PDB file of all heavy atoms in Angstrom:
ATOM      1  N   GLY A   1       0.855  -1.200  -0.014  1.00  0.00           N
ATOM      2  CA  GLY A   1       0.041  -0.053  -0.025  1.00  0.00           C
ATOM      3  C   GLY A   1       0.810   1.254   0.088  1.00  0.00           C
ATOM      4  O   GLY A   1       0.521   2.242  -0.696  1.00  0.00           O
ATOM      5  N   ALA A   2       1.925   1.258   0.837  1.00  0.00           N
ATOM      6  CA  ALA A   2       2.814   2.391   0.860  1.00  0.00           C
ATOM      7  C   ALA A   2       3.608   2.568  -0.514  1.00  0.00           C
ATOM      8  O   ALA A   2       3.588   3.754  -0.965  1.00  0.00           O
ATOM      9  CB  ALA A   2       3.827   2.229   1.978  1.00  0.00           C
ATOM     10  N   ALA A   3       3.938   1.573  -1.103  1.00  0.00           N
ATOM     11  CA  ALA A   3       4.627   1.623  -2.405  1.00  0.00           C
ATOM     12  C   ALA A   3       3.593   2.151  -3.440  1.00  0.00           C
ATOM     13  O   ALA A   3       4.080   2.918  -4.261  1.00  0.00           O
ATOM     14  CB  ALA A   3       5.233   0.171  -2.715  1.00  0.00           C
ATOM     15  N   VAL A   4       2.414   1.644  -3.381  1.00  0.00           N
ATOM     16  CA  VAL A   4       1.407   2.187  -4.440  1.00  0.00           C
ATOM     17  C   VAL A   4       1.242   3.771  -4.233  1.00  0.00           C
ATOM     18  O   VAL A   4       1.352   4.453  -5.166  1.00  0.00           O
ATOM     19  CB  VAL A   4       0.012   1.466  -4.253  1.00  0.00           C
ATOM     20  CG1 VAL A   4      -1.016   2.135  -5.087  1.00  0.00           C
ATOM     21  CG2 VAL A   4       0.179  -0.099  -4.607  1.00  0.00           C
ATOM     22  N   LEU A   5       1.077   4.217  -3.073  1.00  0.00           N
ATOM     23  CA  LEU A   5       0.912   5.520  -2.743  1.00  0.00           C
ATOM     24  C   LEU A   5       2.121   6.398  -3.223  1.00  0.00           C
ATOM     25  O   LEU A   5       1.993   7.436  -3.961  1.00  0.00           O
ATOM     26  CB  LEU A   5       0.686   5.796  -1.256  1.00  0.00           C
ATOM     27  CG  LEU A   5      -0.618   5.317  -0.721  1.00  0.00           C
ATOM     28  CD1 LEU A   5      -0.669   5.385   0.840  1.00  0.00           C
ATOM     29  CD2 LEU A   5      -1.845   6.242  -1.367  1.00  0.00           C
ATOM     30  N   LEU A   6       3.428   5.979  -2.904  1.00  0.00           N
ATOM     31  CA  LEU A   6       4.567   6.649  -3.264  1.00  0.00           C
ATOM     32  C   LEU A   6       4.810   6.593  -4.782  1.00  0.00           C
ATOM     33  O   LEU A   6       5.287   7.532  -5.440  1.00  0.00           O
ATOM     34  CB  LEU A   6       5.753   6.220  -2.475  1.00  0.00           C
ATOM     35  CG  LEU A   6       5.740   6.490  -1.016  1.00  0.00           C
ATOM     36  CD1 LEU A   6       6.963   5.849  -0.323  1.00  0.00           C
ATOM     37  CD2 LEU A   6       5.759   8.042  -0.857  1.00  0.00           C
ATOM     38  N   ASP A   7       4.488   5.434  -5.360  1.00  0.00           N
ATOM     39  CA  ASP A   7       4.641   5.303  -6.794  1.00  0.00           C
ATOM     40  C   ASP A   7       3.671   6.264  -7.561  1.00  0.00           C
ATOM     41  O   ASP A   7       4.105   6.814  -8.521  1.00  0.00           O
ATOM     42  CB  ASP A   7       4.403   3.858  -7.162  1.00  0.00           C
ATOM     43  CG  ASP A   7       4.945   3.563  -8.553  1.00  0.00           C
ATOM     44  OD1 ASP A   7       5.845   4.298  -9.143  1.00  0.00           O
ATOM     45  OD2 ASP A   7       4.321   2.548  -9.249  1.00  0.00           O
ATOM     46  N   ARG A   8       2.537   6.347  -7.027  1.00  0.00           N
ATOM     47  CA  ARG A   8       1.501   7.317  -7.666  1.00  0.00           C
ATOM     48  C   ARG A   8       1.937   8.830  -7.547  1.00  0.00           C
ATOM     49  O   ARG A   8       1.619   9.640  -8.388  1.00  0.00           O
ATOM     50  CB  ARG A   8       0.113   7.153  -7.013  1.00  0.00           C
ATOM     51  CG  ARG A   8      -0.536   5.829  -7.442  1.00  0.00           C
ATOM     52  CD  ARG A   8      -1.759   5.628  -6.719  1.00  0.00           C
ATOM     53  NE  ARG A   8      -2.511   4.331  -7.063  1.00  0.00           N
ATOM     54  CZ  ARG A   8      -3.650   3.991  -6.610  1.00  0.00           C
ATOM     55  NH1 ARG A   8      -4.262   4.669  -5.642  1.00  0.00           N
ATOM     56  NH2 ARG A   8      -4.083   2.798  -7.039  1.00  0.00           N
ATOM     57  N   LEU A   9       2.873   9.059  -6.570  1.00  0.00           N
ATOM     58  CA  LEU A   9       3.371  10.401  -6.433  1.00  0.00           C
ATOM     59  C   LEU A   9       4.665  10.565  -7.123  1.00  0.00           C
ATOM     60  O   LEU A   9       5.430  11.537  -7.046  1.00  0.00           O
ATOM     61  CB  LEU A   9       3.550  10.690  -4.938  1.00  0.00           C
ATOM     62  CG  LEU A   9       2.235  10.832  -4.143  1.00  0.00           C
ATOM     63  CD1 LEU A   9       2.619  10.941  -2.588  1.00  0.00           C
ATOM     64  CD2 LEU A   9       1.429  11.930  -4.585  1.00  0.00           C
ATOM     65  N   ASP A  10       5.029   9.555  -7.884  1.00  0.00           N
ATOM     66  CA  ASP A  10       6.229   9.534  -8.816  1.00  0.00           C
ATOM     67  C   ASP A  10       7.514   9.589  -7.955  1.00  0.00           C
ATOM     68  O   ASP A  10       8.469  10.272  -8.296  1.00  0.00           O
ATOM     69  CB  ASP A  10       6.200  10.596  -9.869  1.00  0.00           C
ATOM     70  CG  ASP A  10       7.114  10.247 -11.061  1.00  0.00           C
ATOM     71  OD1 ASP A  10       7.366   9.069 -11.333  1.00  0.00           O
ATOM     72  OD2 ASP A  10       7.630  11.282 -11.593  1.00  0.00           O
ATOM     73  N   THR A  11       7.553   8.988  -6.814  1.00  0.00           N
ATOM     74  CA  THR A  11       8.760   8.940  -5.950  1.00  0.00           C
ATOM     75  C   THR A  11       9.571   7.895  -6.386  1.00  0.00           C
ATOM     76  O   THR A  11       9.289   6.791  -6.595  1.00  0.00           O
ATOM     77  CB  THR A  11       8.311   8.579  -4.395  1.00  0.00           C
ATOM     78  OG1 THR A  11       7.202   9.491  -4.085  1.00  0.00           O
ATOM     79  CG2 THR A  11       9.384   8.665  -3.529  1.00  0.00           C
ATOM     80  N   GLU A  12      10.962   8.262  -6.475  1.00  0.00           N
ATOM     81  CA  GLU A  12      11.963   7.383  -6.840  1.00  0.00           C
ATOM     82  C   GLU A  12      12.238   6.313  -5.847  1.00  0.00           C
ATOM     83  O   GLU A  12      12.442   6.781  -4.649  1.00  0.00           O
ATOM     84  CB  GLU A  12      13.225   8.210  -7.170  1.00  0.00           C
ATOM     85  CG  GLU A  12      13.171   8.903  -8.449  1.00  0.00           C
ATOM     86  CD  GLU A  12      13.025   8.199  -9.684  1.00  0.00           C
ATOM     87  OE1 GLU A  12      13.630   7.062  -9.707  1.00  0.00           O
ATOM     88  OE2 GLU A  12      12.427   8.680 -10.559  1.00  0.00           O
ATOM     89  N   PRO A  13      12.430   5.087  -6.113  1.00  0.00           N
ATOM     90  CA  PRO A  13      12.731   4.173  -5.140  1.00  0.00           C
ATOM     91  C   PRO A  13      14.046   4.427  -4.402  1.00  0.00           C
ATOM     92  O   PRO A  13      14.146   4.171  -3.221  1.00  0.00           O
ATOM     93  CB  PRO A  13      12.927   2.827  -5.960  1.00  0.00           C
ATOM     94  CG  PRO A  13      12.299   3.017  -7.256  1.00  0.00           C
ATOM     95  CD  PRO A  13      12.228   4.554  -7.530  1.00  0.00           C
ATOM     96  N   ARG A  14      15.011   4.987  -5.089  1.00  0.00           N
ATOM     97  CA  ARG A  14      16.299   5.288  -4.379  1.00  0.00           C
ATOM     98  C   ARG A  14      16.095   6.366  -3.337  1.00  0.00           C
ATOM     99  O   ARG A  14      16.905   6.407  -2.313  1.00  0.00           O
ATOM    100  CB  ARG A  14      17.317   5.736  -5.371  1.00  0.00           C
ATOM    101  CG  ARG A  14      17.072   6.992  -6.200  1.00  0.00           C
ATOM    102  CD  ARG A  14      18.251   7.452  -7.107  1.00  0.00           C
ATOM    103  NE  ARG A  14      17.919   8.650  -7.686  1.00  0.00           N
ATOM    104  CZ  ARG A  14      17.521   8.678  -9.055  1.00  0.00           C
ATOM    105  NH1 ARG A  14      17.568   7.565  -9.788  1.00  0.00           N
ATOM    106  NH2 ARG A  14      17.246   9.820  -9.562  1.00  0.00           N
ATOM    107  N   SER A  15      15.113   7.282  -3.395  1.00  0.00           N
ATOM    108  CA  SER A  15      14.826   8.190  -2.341  1.00  0.00           C
ATOM    109  C   SER A  15      14.308   7.639  -1.160  1.00  0.00           C
ATOM    110  O   SER A  15      14.666   7.885  -0.097  1.00  0.00           O
ATOM    111  CB  SER A  15      13.807   9.332  -2.927  1.00  0.00           C
ATOM    112  OG  SER A  15      14.256  10.038  -3.949  1.00  0.00           O
ATOM    113  N   VAL A  16      13.417   6.564  -1.314  1.00  0.00           N
ATOM    114  CA  VAL A  16      12.942   5.866  -0.172  1.00  0.00           C
ATOM    115  C   VAL A  16      14.028   4.982   0.426  1.00  0.00           C
ATOM    116  O   VAL A  16      14.067   4.897   1.681  1.00  0.00           O
ATOM    117  CB  VAL A  16      11.725   4.932  -0.570  1.00  0.00           C
ATOM    118  CG1 VAL A  16      11.128   4.140   0.535  1.00  0.00           C
ATOM    119  CG2 VAL A  16      10.652   5.826  -1.340  1.00  0.00           C
ATOM    120  N   ALA A  17      14.867   4.426  -0.340  1.00  0.00           N
ATOM    121  CA  ALA A  17      15.910   3.558   0.182  1.00  0.00           C
ATOM    122  C   ALA A  17      16.961   4.395   0.926  1.00  0.00           C
ATOM    123  O   ALA A  17      17.461   4.107   1.970  1.00  0.00           O
ATOM    124  CB  ALA A  17      16.744   2.856  -0.998  1.00  0.00           C
ATOM    125  N   TYR A  18      17.178   5.674   0.465  1.00  0.00           N
ATOM    126  CA  TYR A  18      18.038   6.700   1.116  1.00  0.00           C
ATOM    127  C   TYR A  18      17.427   7.014   2.519  1.00  0.00           C
ATOM    128  O   TYR A  18      18.176   7.031   3.579  1.00  0.00           O
ATOM    129  CB  TYR A  18      18.322   7.917   0.325  1.00  0.00           C
ATOM    130  CG  TYR A  18      19.231   8.927   1.053  1.00  0.00           C
ATOM    131  CD1 TYR A  18      20.550   8.724   1.125  1.00  0.00           C
ATOM    132  CD2 TYR A  18      18.626   9.980   1.593  1.00  0.00           C
ATOM    133  CE1 TYR A  18      21.381   9.552   1.708  1.00  0.00           C
ATOM    134  CE2 TYR A  18      19.513  10.917   2.202  1.00  0.00           C
ATOM    135  CZ  TYR A  18      20.792  10.731   2.324  1.00  0.00           C
ATOM    136  OH  TYR A  18      21.686  11.639   2.952  1.00  0.00           O
ATOM    137  N   LEU A  19      16.135   7.225   2.566  1.00  0.00           N
ATOM    138  CA  LEU A  19      15.395   7.516   3.763  1.00  0.00           C
ATOM    139  C   LEU A  19      15.563   6.327   4.746  1.00  0.00           C
ATOM    140  O   LEU A  19      15.747   6.641   5.964  1.00  0.00           O
ATOM    141  CB  LEU A  19      13.941   7.838   3.510  1.00  0.00           C
ATOM    142  CG  LEU A  19      13.095   8.173   4.759  1.00  0.00           C
ATOM    143  CD1 LEU A  19      13.651   9.418   5.482  1.00  0.00           C
ATOM    144  CD2 LEU A  19      11.674   8.408   4.240  1.00  0.00           C
ATOM    145  N   ALA A  20      15.504   5.128   4.232  1.00  0.00           N
ATOM    146  CA  ALA A  20      15.771   3.953   5.115  1.00  0.00           C
ATOM    147  C   ALA A  20      17.161   4.030   5.869  1.00  0.00           C
ATOM    148  O   ALA A  20      17.216   3.745   6.951  1.00  0.00           O
ATOM    149  CB  ALA A  20      15.524   2.690   4.250  1.00  0.00           C
ATOM    150  N   GLU A  21      18.097   4.403   4.975  1.00  0.00           N
ATOM    151  CA  GLU A  21      19.390   4.541   5.556  1.00  0.00           C
ATOM    152  C   GLU A  21      19.569   5.587   6.605  1.00  0.00           C
ATOM    153  O   GLU A  21      20.272   5.513   7.598  1.00  0.00           O
ATOM    154  CB  GLU A  21      20.525   4.706   4.412  1.00  0.00           C
ATOM    155  CG  GLU A  21      20.657   3.528   3.508  1.00  0.00           C
ATOM    156  CD  GLU A  21      20.917   2.189   4.323  1.00  0.00           C
ATOM    157  OE1 GLU A  21      21.824   2.234   5.242  1.00  0.00           O
ATOM    158  OE2 GLU A  21      20.299   1.190   4.160  1.00  0.00           O
ATOM    159  N   VAL A  22      18.774   6.792   6.358  1.00  0.00           N
ATOM    160  CA  VAL A  22      18.807   7.766   7.417  1.00  0.00           C
ATOM    161  C   VAL A  22      18.164   7.326   8.637  1.00  0.00           C
ATOM    162  O   VAL A  22      18.630   7.610   9.721  1.00  0.00           O
ATOM    163  CB  VAL A  22      17.991   8.984   6.921  1.00  0.00           C
ATOM    164  CG1 VAL A  22      17.782  10.069   8.028  1.00  0.00           C
ATOM    165  CG2 VAL A  22      18.682   9.657   5.691  1.00  0.00           C
ATOM    166  N   VAL A  23      17.033   6.526   8.575  1.00  0.00           N
ATOM    167  CA  VAL A  23      16.442   5.879   9.725  1.00  0.00           C
ATOM    168  C   VAL A  23      17.372   4.984  10.382  1.00  0.00           C
ATOM    169  O   VAL A  23      17.495   4.935  11.663  1.00  0.00           O
ATOM    170  CB  VAL A  23      15.194   5.111   9.325  1.00  0.00           C
ATOM    171  CG1 VAL A  23      14.595   4.338  10.443  1.00  0.00           C
ATOM    172  CG2 VAL A  23      14.084   6.189   8.914  1.00  0.00           C
ATOM    173  N   ARG A  24      18.019   4.145   9.660  1.00  0.00           N
ATOM    174  CA  ARG A  24      18.955   3.248  10.253  1.00  0.00           C
ATOM    175  C   ARG A  24      20.148   3.938  11.001  1.00  0.00           C
ATOM    176  O   ARG A  24      20.494   3.506  12.088  1.00  0.00           O
ATOM    177  CB  ARG A  24      19.616   2.321   9.196  1.00  0.00           C
ATOM    178  CG  ARG A  24      20.450   1.154   9.717  1.00  0.00           C
ATOM    179  CD  ARG A  24      20.991   0.213   8.695  1.00  0.00           C
ATOM    180  NE  ARG A  24      19.990  -0.225   7.692  1.00  0.00           N
ATOM    181  CZ  ARG A  24      18.982  -1.201   7.952  1.00  0.00           C
ATOM    182  NH1 ARG A  24      19.058  -1.748   9.093  1.00  0.00           N
ATOM    183  NH2 ARG A  24      18.235  -1.523   7.004  1.00  0.00           N
ATOM    184  N   ALA A  25      20.638   5.102  10.432  1.00  0.00           N
ATOM    185  CA  ALA A  25      21.704   5.785  11.023  1.00  0.00           C
ATOM    186  C   ALA A  25      21.396   6.662  12.232  1.00  0.00           C
ATOM    187  O   ALA A  25      22.015   6.741  13.250  1.00  0.00           O
ATOM    188  CB  ALA A  25      22.419   6.601   9.968  1.00  0.00           C
ATOM    189  N   GLY A  26      20.226   7.321  12.165  1.00  0.00           N
ATOM    190  CA  GLY A  26      19.760   8.243  13.208  1.00  0.00           C
ATOM    191  C   GLY A  26      18.542   7.946  13.890  1.00  0.00           C
ATOM    192  O   GLY A  26      18.208   8.582  14.861  1.00  0.00           O
ATOM    193  N   GLY A  27      17.820   7.015  13.315  1.00  0.00           N
ATOM    194  CA  GLY A  27      16.503   6.648  14.073  1.00  0.00           C
ATOM    195  C   GLY A  27      15.308   7.305  13.341  1.00  0.00           C
ATOM    196  O   GLY A  27      15.369   8.298  12.641  1.00  0.00           O
ATOM    197  N   VAL A  28      14.205   6.817  13.667  1.00  0.00           N
ATOM    198  CA  VAL A  28      12.887   7.422  13.081  1.00  0.00           C
ATOM    199  C   VAL A  28      12.687   8.745  13.636  1.00  0.00           C
ATOM    200  O   VAL A  28      12.127   9.595  12.752  1.00  0.00           O
ATOM    201  CB  VAL A  28      11.639   6.476  13.278  1.00  0.00           C
ATOM    202  CG1 VAL A  28      11.798   5.138  12.516  1.00  0.00           C
ATOM    203  CG2 VAL A  28      11.388   6.116  14.693  1.00  0.00           C
ATOM    204  N   ARG A  29      12.935   9.100  14.817  1.00  0.00           N
ATOM    205  CA  ARG A  29      12.754  10.340  15.350  1.00  0.00           C
ATOM    206  C   ARG A  29      13.450  11.450  14.552  1.00  0.00           C
ATOM    207  O   ARG A  29      13.001  12.513  14.155  1.00  0.00           O
ATOM    208  CB  ARG A  29      13.096  10.528  16.829  1.00  0.00           C
ATOM    209  CG  ARG A  29      12.959  11.884  17.445  1.00  0.00           C
ATOM    210  CD  ARG A  29      11.772  12.790  17.208  1.00  0.00           C
ATOM    211  NE  ARG A  29      10.509  12.124  17.315  1.00  0.00           N
ATOM    212  CZ  ARG A  29       9.424  12.446  16.602  1.00  0.00           C
ATOM    213  NH1 ARG A  29       9.415  13.518  15.791  1.00  0.00           N
ATOM    214  NH2 ARG A  29       8.291  11.872  16.749  1.00  0.00           N
ATOM    215  N   ALA A  30      14.807  11.111  14.396  1.00  0.00           N
ATOM    216  CA  ALA A  30      15.650  12.135  13.510  1.00  0.00           C
ATOM    217  C   ALA A  30      15.141  12.233  12.118  1.00  0.00           C
ATOM    218  O   ALA A  30      15.071  13.363  11.578  1.00  0.00           O
ATOM    219  CB  ALA A  30      17.020  11.628  13.538  1.00  0.00           C
ATOM    220  N   ALA A  31      14.621  11.180  11.573  1.00  0.00           N
ATOM    221  CA  ALA A  31      14.243  11.150  10.166  1.00  0.00           C
ATOM    222  C   ALA A  31      12.829  11.951  10.047  1.00  0.00           C
ATOM    223  O   ALA A  31      12.546  12.724   9.187  1.00  0.00           O
ATOM    224  CB  ALA A  31      13.977   9.826   9.596  1.00  0.00           C
ATOM    225  N   ALA A  32      11.939  11.776  11.125  1.00  0.00           N
ATOM    226  CA  ALA A  32      10.740  12.509  11.059  1.00  0.00           C
ATOM    227  C   ALA A  32      10.919  13.915  11.333  1.00  0.00           C
ATOM    228  O   ALA A  32      10.051  14.715  10.899  1.00  0.00           O
ATOM    229  CB  ALA A  32       9.856  12.009  12.314  1.00  0.00           C
ATOM    230  N   ASP A  33      11.907  14.363  11.875  1.00  0.00           N
ATOM    231  CA  ASP A  33      12.174  15.872  12.105  1.00  0.00           C
ATOM    232  C   ASP A  33      12.935  16.537  10.825  1.00  0.00           C
ATOM    233  O   ASP A  33      13.230  17.623  10.972  1.00  0.00           O
ATOM    234  CB  ASP A  33      13.093  16.066  13.342  1.00  0.00           C
ATOM    235  CG  ASP A  33      12.342  15.715  14.662  1.00  0.00           C
ATOM    236  OD1 ASP A  33      11.115  15.711  14.655  1.00  0.00           O
ATOM    237  OD2 ASP A  33      13.065  15.503  15.613  1.00  0.00           O
ATOM    238  N   LEU A  34      13.299  15.647   9.789  1.00  0.00           N
ATOM    239  CA  LEU A  34      13.864  16.270   8.733  1.00  0.00           C
ATOM    240  C   LEU A  34      12.808  17.220   7.974  1.00  0.00           C
ATOM    241  O   LEU A  34      11.630  16.826   7.900  1.00  0.00           O
ATOM    242  CB  LEU A  34      14.103  15.180   7.626  1.00  0.00           C
ATOM    243  CG  LEU A  34      15.331  14.280   7.990  1.00  0.00           C
ATOM    244  CD1 LEU A  34      15.456  13.123   7.035  1.00  0.00           C
ATOM    245  CD2 LEU A  34      16.632  15.040   8.098  1.00  0.00           C
ATOM    246  N   PRO A  35      13.279  18.324   7.531  1.00  0.00           N
ATOM    247  CA  PRO A  35      12.244  19.270   6.798  1.00  0.00           C
ATOM    248  C   PRO A  35      11.563  18.685   5.488  1.00  0.00           C
ATOM    249  O   PRO A  35      10.457  18.970   5.252  1.00  0.00           O
ATOM    250  CB  PRO A  35      13.034  20.480   6.501  1.00  0.00           C
ATOM    251  CG  PRO A  35      14.613  20.114   6.626  1.00  0.00           C
ATOM    252  CD  PRO A  35      14.526  18.837   7.534  1.00  0.00           C
ATOM    253  N   GLU A  36      12.405  17.860   4.894  1.00  0.00           N
ATOM    254  CA  GLU A  36      11.798  17.187   3.737  1.00  0.00           C
ATOM    255  C   GLU A  36      12.413  15.822   3.586  1.00  0.00           C
ATOM    256  O   GLU A  36      13.413  15.445   2.858  1.00  0.00           O
ATOM    257  CB  GLU A  36      12.188  17.967   2.447  1.00  0.00           C
ATOM    258  CG  GLU A  36      11.537  17.608   1.130  1.00  0.00           C
ATOM    259  CD  GLU A  36      11.778  18.512  -0.012  1.00  0.00           C
ATOM    260  OE1 GLU A  36      12.805  18.318  -0.667  1.00  0.00           O
ATOM    261  OE2 GLU A  36      10.954  19.372  -0.355  1.00  0.00           O
ATOM    262  N   PRO A  37      11.657  14.735   4.204  1.00  0.00           N
ATOM    263  CA  PRO A  37      12.202  13.427   4.199  1.00  0.00           C
ATOM    264  C   PRO A  37      12.236  12.827   2.798  1.00  0.00           C
ATOM    265  O   PRO A  37      13.118  11.861   2.551  1.00  0.00           O
ATOM    266  CB  PRO A  37      11.307  12.708   5.079  1.00  0.00           C
ATOM    267  CG  PRO A  37      10.080  13.488   5.253  1.00  0.00           C
ATOM    268  CD  PRO A  37      10.434  14.901   4.946  1.00  0.00           C
ATOM    269  N   LEU A  38      11.470  13.145   1.865  1.00  0.00           N
ATOM    270  CA  LEU A  38      11.391  12.805   0.520  1.00  0.00           C
ATOM    271  C   LEU A  38      11.275  13.922  -0.391  1.00  0.00           C
ATOM    272  O   LEU A  38      10.576  14.955   0.081  1.00  0.00           O
ATOM    273  CB  LEU A  38      10.284  11.795   0.245  1.00  0.00           C
ATOM    274  CG  LEU A  38      10.357  10.341   0.920  1.00  0.00           C
ATOM    275  CD1 LEU A  38       9.088   9.590   0.652  1.00  0.00           C
ATOM    276  CD2 LEU A  38      11.686   9.618   0.253  1.00  0.00           C
ATOM    277  N   PRO A  39      11.786  13.859  -1.613  1.00  0.00           N
ATOM    278  CA  PRO A  39      11.536  14.947  -2.535  1.00  0.00           C
ATOM    279  C   PRO A  39       9.969  15.110  -2.886  1.00  0.00           C
ATOM    280  O   PRO A  39       9.379  14.101  -2.845  1.00  0.00           O
ATOM    281  CB  PRO A  39      12.238  14.528  -3.775  1.00  0.00           C
ATOM    282  CG  PRO A  39      13.319  13.568  -3.376  1.00  0.00           C
ATOM    283  CD  PRO A  39      12.689  12.967  -2.236  1.00  0.00           C
ATOM    284  N   ARG A  40       9.594  16.189  -3.070  1.00  0.00           N
ATOM    285  CA  ARG A  40       8.195  16.552  -3.584  1.00  0.00           C
ATOM    286  C   ARG A  40       7.384  16.737  -2.211  1.00  0.00           C
ATOM    287  O   ARG A  40       7.363  15.778  -1.397  1.00  0.00           O
ATOM    288  CB  ARG A  40       7.683  15.468  -4.435  1.00  0.00           C
ATOM    289  CG  ARG A  40       8.329  15.469  -5.855  1.00  0.00           C
ATOM    290  CD  ARG A  40       7.367  14.900  -6.765  1.00  0.00           C
ATOM    291  NE  ARG A  40       7.962  15.054  -8.060  1.00  0.00           N
ATOM    292  CZ  ARG A  40       8.508  14.133  -8.887  1.00  0.00           C
ATOM    293  NH1 ARG A  40       8.635  12.835  -8.458  1.00  0.00           N
ATOM    294  NH2 ARG A  40       8.997  14.407 -10.059  1.00  0.00           N
ATOM    295  N   PRO A  41       6.719  17.726  -2.106  1.00  0.00           N
ATOM    296  CA  PRO A  41       5.900  18.089  -0.859  1.00  0.00           C
ATOM    297  C   PRO A  41       4.888  16.926  -0.530  1.00  0.00           C
ATOM    298  O   PRO A  41       4.796  16.653   0.651  1.00  0.00           O
ATOM    299  CB  PRO A  41       5.190  19.346  -1.301  1.00  0.00           C
ATOM    300  CG  PRO A  41       5.996  19.964  -2.369  1.00  0.00           C
ATOM    301  CD  PRO A  41       6.524  18.879  -3.077  1.00  0.00           C
ATOM    302  N   GLU A  42       4.162  16.370  -1.521  1.00  0.00           N
ATOM    303  CA  GLU A  42       3.073  15.385  -1.106  1.00  0.00           C
ATOM    304  C   GLU A  42       3.813  14.123  -0.598  1.00  0.00           C
ATOM    305  O   GLU A  42       3.277  13.576   0.331  1.00  0.00           O
ATOM    306  CB  GLU A  42       2.361  15.085  -2.452  1.00  0.00           C
ATOM    307  CG  GLU A  42       1.513  16.281  -2.878  1.00  0.00           C
ATOM    308  CD  GLU A  42       2.358  17.025  -3.902  1.00  0.00           C
ATOM    309  OE1 GLU A  42       3.539  16.786  -4.312  1.00  0.00           O
ATOM    310  OE2 GLU A  42       1.805  18.047  -4.438  1.00  0.00           O
ATOM    311  N   ALA A  43       5.020  13.692  -1.250  1.00  0.00           N
ATOM    312  CA  ALA A  43       5.595  12.499  -0.673  1.00  0.00           C
ATOM    313  C   ALA A  43       6.261  12.736   0.584  1.00  0.00           C
ATOM    314  O   ALA A  43       6.193  11.885   1.462  1.00  0.00           O
ATOM    315  CB  ALA A  43       6.710  12.024  -1.727  1.00  0.00           C
ATOM    316  N   ALA A  44       6.826  13.975   0.768  1.00  0.00           N
ATOM    317  CA  ALA A  44       7.525  14.294   2.103  1.00  0.00           C
ATOM    318  C   ALA A  44       6.470  14.355   3.256  1.00  0.00           C
ATOM    319  O   ALA A  44       6.696  13.726   4.295  1.00  0.00           O
ATOM    320  CB  ALA A  44       8.140  15.696   1.991  1.00  0.00           C
ATOM    321  N   ALA A  45       5.288  14.798   2.944  1.00  0.00           N
ATOM    322  CA  ALA A  45       4.194  14.851   3.996  1.00  0.00           C
ATOM    323  C   ALA A  45       3.791  13.392   4.324  1.00  0.00           C
ATOM    324  O   ALA A  45       3.564  13.127   5.536  1.00  0.00           O
ATOM    325  CB  ALA A  45       2.933  15.650   3.452  1.00  0.00           C
TER     326      ALA A  45
END
């Protein structure tokens, strides 16, 4: 379901994979506090 939503927003898989590495390195709280966790405002929200 998440992949369908992000794919419909034309989100690059590598952007999501990079976000996963941010979570792995700093945790979900640090990633949640990013001003733009993914490119494009809709995907970031």
